[in-house]
Structures are given as C-alpha cells and as structure tokens.
Amino acid sequence: MLLIIGTVRIPPGTIDRARPAMERMIAATRAEDGCLDYSYAEDVAEPGRIHVIERWRDRAALERHFTAAHIKEWRADWPRLGITDRDLKLYEASEPTEV
C-alpha cells in the first residue's frame, strides 16, 4: 500500500471558492480503481492549511491517477484558487493494524 501525506495552503478567504473544485477532485479520485482513500481536511489551528491524505493499492494505480484528466484540471485551478506550498510525501506501508 502507498500513502501520500502532506499539506497545501489555500488563502483562508478563498476556501469557500475552492470547495467545489476540491469536492470534484475528491469524488473523481475516490472513484478511481486502486484508490483506497483520498481526503482533504482544513487544519483547525491554522486556517488555510489543508491536510492531504491518500491511500493507494499500488504504484500502478497511483501512476494512472497522475495522468487522469481530473488531476490535471485540479492542478490547473491552483493559481486561480491561490493554492501554494505543496508539501506531499510518498510512503510505502504494510497493511494497517489496530492501535
């Protein structure tokens, strides 16, 4: 399993304007074969800091995601939405266990 974990920044005043684009990206990505989870969450302590959490079955699924039309559209929207400071890291993980 692959995990992508990190953050992006959206100016706090534009979160409402960005929400429809974020919702489209989440829905389209969650429908992809091999996507186990895909979510965004705004940091309670830092408005505009968006936490990104992705779980993928394997590298092939993730590579297909990177070429999907919806991710290209999402990234093309970033300048209009003021999205900056992309800091995402890829991790390889074993199957989860309860903690």
PDB file of N, CA and C in Angstrom:
ATOM      1  N   MET A   1       0.843  -1.164   0.000  1.00  0.00           N
ATOM      2  CA  MET A   1       0.000   0.000   0.000  1.00  0.00           C
ATOM      3  C   MET A   1       0.895   1.234   0.000  1.00  0.00           C
ATOM      4  N   LEU A   2       0.451   2.268  -0.716  1.00  0.00           N
ATOM      5  CA  LEU A   2       1.165   3.539  -0.769  1.00  0.00           C
ATOM      6  C   LEU A   2       0.345   4.610  -0.072  1.00  0.00           C
ATOM      7  N   LEU A   3       1.020   5.463   0.664  1.00  0.00           N
ATOM      8  CA  LEU A   3       0.388   6.594   1.328  1.00  0.00           C
ATOM      9  C   LEU A   3       1.015   7.873   0.807  1.00  0.00           C
ATOM     10  N   ILE A   4       0.194   8.860   0.563  1.00  0.00           N
ATOM     11  CA  ILE A   4       0.678  10.208   0.302  1.00  0.00           C
ATOM     12  C   ILE A   4       0.085  11.061   1.409  1.00  0.00           C
ATOM     13  N   ILE A   5       0.962  11.728   2.138  1.00  0.00           N
ATOM     14  CA  ILE A   5       0.541  12.537   3.273  1.00  0.00           C
ATOM     15  C   ILE A   5       1.257  13.873   3.192  1.00  0.00           C
ATOM     16  N   GLY A   6       0.525  14.924   3.433  1.00  0.00           N
ATOM     17  CA  GLY A   6       1.152  16.239   3.424  1.00  0.00           C
ATOM     18  C   GLY A   6       0.148  17.352   3.513  1.00  0.00           C
ATOM     19  N   THR A   7       0.567  18.533   3.056  1.00  0.00           N
ATOM     20  CA  THR A   7      -0.274  19.717   3.144  1.00  0.00           C
ATOM     21  C   THR A   7      -0.130  20.586   1.901  1.00  0.00           C
ATOM     22  N   VAL A   8      -1.145  21.400   1.688  1.00  0.00           N
ATOM     23  CA  VAL A   8      -1.102  22.524   0.745  1.00  0.00           C
ATOM     24  C   VAL A   8      -1.710  23.710   1.483  1.00  0.00           C
ATOM     25  N   ARG A   9      -1.516  24.886   0.944  1.00  0.00           N
ATOM     26  CA  ARG A   9      -2.103  26.076   1.558  1.00  0.00           C
ATOM     27  C   ARG A   9      -3.040  26.758   0.572  1.00  0.00           C
ATOM     28  N   ILE A  10      -4.167  27.177   1.117  1.00  0.00           N
ATOM     29  CA  ILE A  10      -5.150  27.954   0.373  1.00  0.00           C
ATOM     30  C   ILE A  10      -5.422  29.196   1.212  1.00  0.00           C
ATOM     31  N   PRO A  11      -5.385  30.382   0.621  1.00  0.00           N
ATOM     32  CA  PRO A  11      -5.690  31.566   1.422  1.00  0.00           C
ATOM     33  C   PRO A  11      -7.037  31.378   2.132  1.00  0.00           C
ATOM     34  N   PRO A  12      -7.083  31.588   3.445  1.00  0.00           N
ATOM     35  CA  PRO A  12      -8.311  31.324   4.196  1.00  0.00           C
ATOM     36  C   PRO A  12      -9.557  31.967   3.596  1.00  0.00           C
ATOM     37  N   GLY A  13      -9.429  33.108   2.995  1.00  0.00           N
ATOM     38  CA  GLY A  13     -10.580  33.783   2.396  1.00  0.00           C
ATOM     39  C   GLY A  13     -11.100  33.138   1.130  1.00  0.00           C
ATOM     40  N   THR A  14     -10.335  32.192   0.559  1.00  0.00           N
ATOM     41  CA  THR A  14     -10.775  31.561  -0.689  1.00  0.00           C
ATOM     42  C   THR A  14     -11.188  30.101  -0.496  1.00  0.00           C
ATOM     43  N   ILE A  15     -11.234  29.622   0.730  1.00  0.00           N
ATOM     44  CA  ILE A  15     -11.614  28.220   0.978  1.00  0.00           C
ATOM     45  C   ILE A  15     -12.989  27.930   0.398  1.00  0.00           C
ATOM     46  N   ASP A  16     -13.945  28.828   0.616  1.00  0.00           N
ATOM     47  CA  ASP A  16     -15.293  28.583   0.097  1.00  0.00           C
ATOM     48  C   ASP A  16     -15.303  28.539  -1.427  1.00  0.00           C
ATOM     49  N   ARG A  17     -14.483  29.363  -2.053  1.00  0.00           N
ATOM     50  CA  ARG A  17     -14.393  29.361  -3.518  1.00  0.00           C
ATOM     51  C   ARG A  17     -13.712  28.084  -4.014  1.00  0.00           C
ATOM     52  N   ALA A  18     -12.775  27.537  -3.230  1.00  0.00           N
ATOM     53  CA  ALA A  18     -12.042  26.333  -3.625  1.00  0.00           C
ATOM     54  C   ALA A  18     -12.832  25.054  -3.367  1.00  0.00           C
ATOM     55  N   ARG A  19     -13.786  25.106  -2.446  1.00  0.00           N
ATOM     56  CA  ARG A  19     -14.500  23.903  -2.026  1.00  0.00           C
ATOM     57  C   ARG A  19     -15.124  23.107  -3.187  1.00  0.00           C
ATOM     58  N   PRO A  20     -15.827  23.717  -4.146  1.00  0.00           N
ATOM     59  CA  PRO A  20     -16.396  22.915  -5.246  1.00  0.00           C
ATOM     60  C   PRO A  20     -15.327  22.169  -6.062  1.00  0.00           C
ATOM     61  N   ALA A  21     -14.202  22.822  -6.323  1.00  0.00           N
ATOM     62  CA  ALA A  21     -13.120  22.161  -7.066  1.00  0.00           C
ATOM     63  C   ALA A  21     -12.530  21.019  -6.247  1.00  0.00           C
ATOM     64  N   MET A  22     -12.400  21.229  -4.942  1.00  0.00           N
ATOM     65  CA  MET A  22     -11.883  20.181  -4.063  1.00  0.00           C
ATOM     66  C   MET A  22     -12.846  18.997  -4.017  1.00  0.00           C
ATOM     67  N   GLU A  23     -14.130  19.278  -3.914  1.00  0.00           N
ATOM     68  CA  GLU A  23     -15.135  18.209  -3.878  1.00  0.00           C
ATOM     69  C   GLU A  23     -15.132  17.392  -5.174  1.00  0.00           C
ATOM     70  N   ARG A  24     -14.987  18.078  -6.324  1.00  0.00           N
ATOM     71  CA  ARG A  24     -14.907  17.360  -7.610  1.00  0.00           C
ATOM     72  C   ARG A  24     -13.678  16.464  -7.649  1.00  0.00           C
ATOM     73  N   MET A  25     -12.549  16.996  -7.188  1.00  0.00           N
ATOM     74  CA  MET A  25     -11.307  16.219  -7.187  1.00  0.00           C
ATOM     75  C   MET A  25     -11.434  14.995  -6.286  1.00  0.00           C
ATOM     76  N   ILE A  26     -11.990  15.163  -5.106  1.00  0.00           N
ATOM     77  CA  ILE A  26     -12.153  14.055  -4.173  1.00  0.00           C
ATOM     78  C   ILE A  26     -13.065  12.989  -4.764  1.00  0.00           C
ATOM     79  N   ALA A  27     -14.204  13.375  -5.285  1.00  0.00           N
ATOM     80  CA  ALA A  27     -15.159  12.399  -5.834  1.00  0.00           C
ATOM     81  C   ALA A  27     -14.559  11.631  -7.008  1.00  0.00           C
ATOM     82  N   ALA A  28     -13.909  12.333  -7.918  1.00  0.00           N
ATOM     83  CA  ALA A  28     -13.326  11.666  -9.089  1.00  0.00           C
ATOM     84  C   ALA A  28     -12.194  10.736  -8.678  1.00  0.00           C
ATOM     85  N   THR A  29     -11.381  11.148  -7.730  1.00  0.00           N
ATOM     86  CA  THR A  29     -10.257  10.322  -7.302  1.00  0.00           C
ATOM     87  C   THR A  29     -10.735   9.096  -6.546  1.00  0.00           C
ATOM     88  N   ARG A  30     -11.704   9.263  -5.663  1.00  0.00           N
ATOM     89  CA  ARG A  30     -12.228   8.116  -4.915  1.00  0.00           C
ATOM     90  C   ARG A  30     -12.857   7.069  -5.827  1.00  0.00           C
ATOM     91  N   ALA A  31     -13.295   7.481  -7.004  1.00  0.00           N
ATOM     92  CA  ALA A  31     -13.890   6.545  -7.967  1.00  0.00           C
ATOM     93  C   ALA A  31     -12.840   5.775  -8.769  1.00  0.00           C
ATOM     94  N   GLU A  32     -11.587   6.164  -8.664  1.00  0.00           N
ATOM     95  CA  GLU A  32     -10.525   5.504  -9.422  1.00  0.00           C
ATOM     96  C   GLU A  32     -10.240   4.104  -8.874  1.00  0.00           C
ATOM     97  N   ASP A  33      -9.969   3.184  -9.798  1.00  0.00           N
ATOM     98  CA  ASP A  33      -9.544   1.838  -9.412  1.00  0.00           C
ATOM     99  C   ASP A  33      -8.206   1.948  -8.685  1.00  0.00           C
ATOM    100  N   GLY A  34      -8.141   1.376  -7.510  1.00  0.00           N
ATOM    101  CA  GLY A  34      -6.897   1.393  -6.749  1.00  0.00           C
ATOM    102  C   GLY A  34      -6.816   2.469  -5.700  1.00  0.00           C
ATOM    103  N   CYS A  35      -7.772   3.403  -5.680  1.00  0.00           N
ATOM    104  CA  CYS A  35      -7.798   4.423  -4.638  1.00  0.00           C
ATOM    105  C   CYS A  35      -8.504   3.835  -3.425  1.00  0.00           C
ATOM    106  N   LEU A  36      -7.803   3.764  -2.311  1.00  0.00           N
ATOM    107  CA  LEU A  36      -8.369   3.235  -1.075  1.00  0.00           C
ATOM    108  C   LEU A  36      -8.930   4.343  -0.196  1.00  0.00           C
ATOM    109  N   ASP A  37      -8.379   5.535  -0.308  1.00  0.00           N
ATOM    110  CA  ASP A  37      -8.877   6.694   0.438  1.00  0.00           C
ATOM    111  C   ASP A  37      -8.241   7.941  -0.152  1.00  0.00           C
ATOM    112  N   TYR A  38      -8.990   9.034  -0.126  1.00  0.00           N
ATOM    113  CA  TYR A  38      -8.490  10.311  -0.614  1.00  0.00           C
ATOM    114  C   TYR A  38      -9.266  11.395   0.112  1.00  0.00           C
ATOM    115  N   SER A  39      -8.571  12.240   0.858  1.00  0.00           N
ATOM    116  CA  SER A  39      -9.300  13.256   1.609  1.00  0.00           C
ATOM    117  C   SER A  39      -8.460  14.502   1.843  1.00  0.00           C
ATOM    118  N   TYR A  40      -9.185  15.609   2.050  1.00  0.00           N
ATOM    119  CA  TYR A  40      -8.610  16.885   2.429  1.00  0.00           C
ATOM    120  C   TYR A  40      -9.266  17.300   3.743  1.00  0.00           C
ATOM    121  N   ALA A  41      -8.516  17.956   4.608  1.00  0.00           N
ATOM    122  CA  ALA A  41      -9.073  18.469   5.856  1.00  0.00           C
ATOM    123  C   ALA A  41      -8.367  19.762   6.225  1.00  0.00           C
ATOM    124  N   GLU A  42      -9.145  20.783   6.561  1.00  0.00           N
ATOM    125  CA  GLU A  42      -8.542  22.048   6.973  1.00  0.00           C
ATOM    126  C   GLU A  42      -8.069  21.943   8.417  1.00  0.00           C
ATOM    127  N   ASP A  43      -6.884  22.438   8.655  1.00  0.00           N
ATOM    128  CA  ASP A  43      -6.291  22.441   9.988  1.00  0.00           C
ATOM    129  C   ASP A  43      -7.086  23.389  10.897  1.00  0.00           C
ATOM    130  N   VAL A  44      -7.501  22.910  12.047  1.00  0.00           N
ATOM    131  CA  VAL A  44      -8.271  23.715  12.985  1.00  0.00           C
ATOM    132  C   VAL A  44      -7.449  24.874  13.532  1.00  0.00           C
ATOM    133  N   ALA A  45      -6.170  24.652  13.762  1.00  0.00           N
ATOM    134  CA  ALA A  45      -5.310  25.678  14.354  1.00  0.00           C
ATOM    135  C   ALA A  45      -4.717  26.647  13.327  1.00  0.00           C
ATOM    136  N   GLU A  46      -4.681  26.245  12.049  1.00  0.00           N
ATOM    137  CA  GLU A  46      -4.087  27.077  11.000  1.00  0.00           C
ATOM    138  C   GLU A  46      -5.036  27.174   9.820  1.00  0.00           C
ATOM    139  N   PRO A  47      -5.962  28.113   9.813  1.00  0.00           N
ATOM    140  CA  PRO A  47      -6.880  28.253   8.673  1.00  0.00           C
ATOM    141  C   PRO A  47      -6.108  28.359   7.357  1.00  0.00           C
ATOM    142  N   GLY A  48      -6.587  27.647   6.362  1.00  0.00           N
ATOM    143  CA  GLY A  48      -5.951  27.647   5.049  1.00  0.00           C
ATOM    144  C   GLY A  48      -4.911  26.560   4.854  1.00  0.00           C
ATOM    145  N   ARG A  49      -4.512  25.906   5.927  1.00  0.00           N
ATOM    146  CA  ARG A  49      -3.588  24.765   5.808  1.00  0.00           C
ATOM    147  C   ARG A  49      -4.450  23.520   5.614  1.00  0.00           C
ATOM    148  N   ILE A  50      -4.301  22.886   4.459  1.00  0.00           N
ATOM    149  CA  ILE A  50      -5.122  21.739   4.098  1.00  0.00           C
ATOM    150  C   ILE A  50      -4.275  20.473   4.188  1.00  0.00           C
ATOM    151  N   HIS A  51      -4.724  19.542   5.009  1.00  0.00           N
ATOM    152  CA  HIS A  51      -4.051  18.247   5.121  1.00  0.00           C
ATOM    153  C   HIS A  51      -4.571  17.330   4.020  1.00  0.00           C
ATOM    154  N   VAL A  52      -3.648  16.665   3.345  1.00  0.00           N
ATOM    155  CA  VAL A  52      -3.963  15.737   2.265  1.00  0.00           C
ATOM    156  C   VAL A  52      -3.575  14.342   2.734  1.00  0.00           C
ATOM    157  N   ILE A  53      -4.513  13.403   2.609  1.00  0.00           N
ATOM    158  CA  ILE A  53      -4.239  12.006   2.940  1.00  0.00           C
ATOM    159  C   ILE A  53      -4.758  11.148   1.798  1.00  0.00           C
ATOM    160  N   GLU A  54      -3.854  10.365   1.225  1.00  0.00           N
ATOM    161  CA  GLU A  54      -4.207   9.460   0.132  1.00  0.00           C
ATOM    162  C   GLU A  54      -3.705   8.061   0.467  1.00  0.00           C
ATOM    163  N   ARG A  55      -4.499   7.049   0.129  1.00  0.00           N
ATOM    164  CA  ARG A  55      -4.056   5.653   0.238  1.00  0.00           C
ATOM    165  C   ARG A  55      -4.323   4.985  -1.107  1.00  0.00           C
ATOM    166  N   TRP A  56      -3.296   4.310  -1.643  1.00  0.00           N
ATOM    167  CA  TRP A  56      -3.368   3.668  -2.949  1.00  0.00           C
ATOM    168  C   TRP A  56      -2.980   2.202  -2.833  1.00  0.00           C
ATOM    169  N   ARG A  57      -3.654   1.378  -3.605  1.00  0.00           N
ATOM    170  CA  ARG A  57      -3.382  -0.057  -3.600  1.00  0.00           C
ATOM    171  C   ARG A  57      -1.963  -0.359  -4.036  1.00  0.00           C
ATOM    172  N   ASP A  58      -1.502   0.308  -5.098  1.00  0.00           N
ATOM    173  CA  ASP A  58      -0.175   0.009  -5.640  1.00  0.00           C
ATOM    174  C   ASP A  58       0.309   1.165  -6.515  1.00  0.00           C
ATOM    175  N   ARG A  59       1.541   1.061  -6.952  1.00  0.00           N
ATOM    176  CA  ARG A  59       2.175   2.096  -7.766  1.00  0.00           C
ATOM    177  C   ARG A  59       1.448   2.293  -9.102  1.00  0.00           C
ATOM    178  N   ALA A  60       0.974   1.209  -9.709  1.00  0.00           N
ATOM    179  CA  ALA A  60       0.280   1.330 -10.997  1.00  0.00           C
ATOM    180  C   ALA A  60      -0.972   2.195 -10.861  1.00  0.00           C
ATOM    181  N   ALA A  61      -1.733   1.999  -9.796  1.00  0.00           N
ATOM    182  CA  ALA A  61      -2.938   2.809  -9.578  1.00  0.00           C
ATOM    183  C   ALA A  61      -2.567   4.279  -9.381  1.00  0.00           C
ATOM    184  N   LEU A  62      -1.522   4.534  -8.627  1.00  0.00           N
ATOM    185  CA  LEU A  62      -1.087   5.904  -8.394  1.00  0.00           C
ATOM    186  C   LEU A  62      -0.604   6.555  -9.689  1.00  0.00           C
ATOM    187  N   GLU A  63       0.126   5.829 -10.489  1.00  0.00           N
ATOM    188  CA  GLU A  63       0.604   6.373 -11.770  1.00  0.00           C
ATOM    189  C   GLU A  63      -0.567   6.706 -12.695  1.00  0.00           C
ATOM    190  N   ARG A  64      -1.598   5.867 -12.719  1.00  0.00           N
ATOM    191  CA  ARG A  64      -2.789   6.180 -13.525  1.00  0.00           C
ATOM    192  C   ARG A  64      -3.445   7.458 -13.007  1.00  0.00           C
ATOM    193  N   HIS A  65      -3.492   7.599 -11.695  1.00  0.00           N
ATOM    194  CA  HIS A  65      -4.076   8.800 -11.092  1.00  0.00           C
ATOM    195  C   HIS A  65      -3.346  10.054 -11.584  1.00  0.00           C
ATOM    196  N   PHE A  66      -2.033  10.006 -11.620  1.00  0.00           N
ATOM    197  CA  PHE A  66      -1.248  11.174 -12.017  1.00  0.00           C
ATOM    198  C   PHE A  66      -1.520  11.607 -13.457  1.00  0.00           C
ATOM    199  N   THR A  67      -2.063  10.722 -14.284  1.00  0.00           N
ATOM    200  CA  THR A  67      -2.355  11.074 -15.675  1.00  0.00           C
ATOM    201  C   THR A  67      -3.838  11.325 -15.916  1.00  0.00           C
ATOM    202  N   ALA A  68      -4.659  11.237 -14.878  1.00  0.00           N
ATOM    203  CA  ALA A  68      -6.112  11.412 -15.024  1.00  0.00           C
ATOM    204  C   ALA A  68      -6.460  12.868 -15.342  1.00  0.00           C
ATOM    205  N   ALA A  69      -7.520  13.035 -16.122  1.00  0.00           N
ATOM    206  CA  ALA A  69      -7.952  14.382 -16.512  1.00  0.00           C
ATOM    207  C   ALA A  69      -8.303  15.243 -15.299  1.00  0.00           C
ATOM    208  N   HIS A  70      -8.936  14.657 -14.289  1.00  0.00           N
ATOM    209  CA  HIS A  70      -9.366  15.473 -13.144  1.00  0.00           C
ATOM    210  C   HIS A  70      -8.194  16.028 -12.327  1.00  0.00           C
ATOM    211  N   ILE A  71      -7.077  15.314 -12.285  1.00  0.00           N
ATOM    212  CA  ILE A  71      -5.932  15.880 -11.545  1.00  0.00           C
ATOM    213  C   ILE A  71      -5.287  17.008 -12.354  1.00  0.00           C
ATOM    214  N   LYS A  72      -5.283  16.873 -13.666  1.00  0.00           N
ATOM    215  CA  LYS A  72      -4.755  17.956 -14.498  1.00  0.00           C
ATOM    216  C   LYS A  72      -5.613  19.212 -14.355  1.00  0.00           C
ATOM    217  N   GLU A  73      -6.947  19.033 -14.332  1.00  0.00           N
ATOM    218  CA  GLU A  73      -7.848  20.176 -14.145  1.00  0.00           C
ATOM    219  C   GLU A  73      -7.656  20.808 -12.769  1.00  0.00           C
ATOM    220  N   TRP A  74      -7.517  19.964 -11.741  1.00  0.00           N
ATOM    221  CA  TRP A  74      -7.316  20.439 -10.374  1.00  0.00           C
ATOM    222  C   TRP A  74      -6.051  21.277 -10.289  1.00  0.00           C
ATOM    223  N   ARG A  75      -4.956  20.762 -10.815  1.00  0.00           N
ATOM    224  CA  ARG A  75      -3.690  21.498 -10.750  1.00  0.00           C
ATOM    225  C   ARG A  75      -3.743  22.788 -11.570  1.00  0.00           C
ATOM    226  N   ALA A  76      -4.479  22.770 -12.673  1.00  0.00           N
ATOM    227  CA  ALA A  76      -4.614  23.983 -13.479  1.00  0.00           C
ATOM    228  C   ALA A  76      -5.389  25.069 -12.724  1.00  0.00           C
ATOM    229  N   ASP A  77      -6.244  24.681 -11.779  1.00  0.00           N
ATOM    230  CA  ASP A  77      -7.021  25.618 -10.964  1.00  0.00           C
ATOM    231  C   ASP A  77      -6.212  26.260  -9.835  1.00  0.00           C
ATOM    232  N   TRP A  78      -5.074  25.691  -9.488  1.00  0.00           N
ATOM    233  CA  TRP A  78      -4.311  26.168  -8.329  1.00  0.00           C
ATOM    234  C   TRP A  78      -3.996  27.659  -8.374  1.00  0.00           C
ATOM    235  N   PRO A  79      -3.506  28.203  -9.479  1.00  0.00           N
ATOM    236  CA  PRO A  79      -3.205  29.647  -9.468  1.00  0.00           C
ATOM    237  C   PRO A  79      -4.459  30.492  -9.203  1.00  0.00           C
ATOM    238  N   ARG A  80      -5.572  30.134  -9.796  1.00  0.00           N
ATOM    239  CA  ARG A  80      -6.824  30.873  -9.602  1.00  0.00           C
ATOM    240  C   ARG A  80      -7.289  30.804  -8.153  1.00  0.00           C
ATOM    241  N   LEU A  81      -7.060  29.656  -7.501  1.00  0.00           N
ATOM    242  CA  LEU A  81      -7.506  29.452  -6.127  1.00  0.00           C
ATOM    243  C   LEU A  81      -6.457  29.877  -5.096  1.00  0.00           C
ATOM    244  N   GLY A  82      -5.259  30.218  -5.556  1.00  0.00           N
ATOM    245  CA  GLY A  82      -4.211  30.654  -4.647  1.00  0.00           C
ATOM    246  C   GLY A  82      -3.538  29.523  -3.885  1.00  0.00           C
ATOM    247  N   ILE A  83      -3.598  28.309  -4.414  1.00  0.00           N
ATOM    248  CA  ILE A  83      -3.006  27.155  -3.736  1.00  0.00           C
ATOM    249  C   ILE A  83      -1.489  27.208  -3.877  1.00  0.00           C
ATOM    250  N   THR A  84      -0.801  27.108  -2.727  1.00  0.00           N
ATOM    251  CA  THR A  84       0.661  27.190  -2.687  1.00  0.00           C
ATOM    252  C   THR A  84       1.207  26.182  -1.687  1.00  0.00           C
ATOM    253  N   ASP A  85       2.495  26.206  -1.547  1.00  0.00           N
ATOM    254  CA  ASP A  85       3.208  25.458  -0.505  1.00  0.00           C
ATOM    255  C   ASP A  85       2.845  23.978  -0.490  1.00  0.00           C
ATOM    256  N   ARG A  86       2.821  23.372  -1.640  1.00  0.00           N
ATOM    257  CA  ARG A  86       2.539  21.935  -1.737  1.00  0.00           C
ATOM    258  C   ARG A  86       3.691  21.168  -1.096  1.00  0.00           C
ATOM    259  N   ASP A  87       3.368  20.379  -0.090  1.00  0.00           N
ATOM    260  CA  ASP A  87       4.370  19.573   0.612  1.00  0.00           C
ATOM    261  C   ASP A  87       3.778  18.181   0.841  1.00  0.00           C
ATOM    262  N   LEU A  88       3.930  17.317  -0.147  1.00  0.00           N
ATOM    263  CA  LEU A  88       3.377  15.964  -0.094  1.00  0.00           C
ATOM    264  C   LEU A  88       4.511  14.954  -0.145  1.00  0.00           C
ATOM    265  N   LYS A  89       4.405  13.920   0.655  1.00  0.00           N
ATOM    266  CA  LYS A  89       5.418  12.861   0.701  1.00  0.00           C
ATOM    267  C   LYS A  89       4.756  11.510   0.443  1.00  0.00           C
ATOM    268  N   LEU A  90       5.470  10.644  -0.278  1.00  0.00           N
ATOM    269  CA  LEU A  90       5.015   9.294  -0.584  1.00  0.00           C
ATOM    270  C   LEU A  90       5.677   8.306   0.370  1.00  0.00           C
ATOM    271  N   TYR A  91       4.873   7.429   0.938  1.00  0.00           N
ATOM    272  CA  TYR A  91       5.368   6.403   1.861  1.00  0.00           C
ATOM    273  C   TYR A  91       4.860   5.039   1.403  1.00  0.00           C
ATOM    274  N   GLU A  92       5.682   4.024   1.561  1.00  0.00           N
ATOM    275  CA  GLU A  92       5.246   2.650   1.355  1.00  0.00           C
ATOM    276  C   GLU A  92       4.917   2.079   2.718  1.00  0.00           C
ATOM    277  N   ALA A  93       3.789   1.398   2.821  1.00  0.00           N
ATOM    278  CA  ALA A  93       3.346   0.891   4.119  1.00  0.00           C
ATOM    279  C   ALA A  93       2.842  -0.539   3.990  1.00  0.00           C
ATOM    280  N   SER A  94       2.919  -1.252   5.090  1.00  0.00           N
ATOM    281  CA  SER A  94       2.318  -2.576   5.145  1.00  0.00           C
ATOM    282  C   SER A  94       0.845  -2.411   5.458  1.00  0.00           C
ATOM    283  N   GLU A  95       0.132  -3.480   5.536  1.00  0.00           N
ATOM    284  CA  GLU A  95      -1.280  -3.424   5.877  1.00  0.00           C
ATOM    285  C   GLU A  95      -1.435  -2.852   7.283  1.00  0.00           C
ATOM    286  N   PRO A  96      -2.485  -2.081   7.507  1.00  0.00           N
ATOM    287  CA  PRO A  96      -2.648  -1.443   8.815  1.00  0.00           C
ATOM    288  C   PRO A  96      -3.013  -2.446   9.914  1.00  0.00           C
ATOM    289  N   THR A  97      -2.662  -2.071  11.122  1.00  0.00           N
ATOM    290  CA  THR A  97      -3.065  -2.837  12.296  1.00  0.00           C
ATOM    291  C   THR A  97      -3.719  -1.873  13.271  1.00  0.00           C
ATOM    292  N   GLU A  98      -4.571  -2.378  14.102  1.00  0.00           N
ATOM    293  CA  GLU A  98      -5.238  -1.555  15.104  1.00  0.00           C
ATOM    294  C   GLU A  98      -4.234  -1.055  16.134  1.00  0.00           C
ATOM    295  N   VAL A  99      -4.414   0.167  16.608  1.00  0.00           N
ATOM    296  CA  VAL A  99      -3.552   0.712  17.665  1.00  0.00           C
ATOM    297  C   VAL A  99      -4.378   1.114  18.862  1.00  0.00           C
TER     298      VAL A  99
END
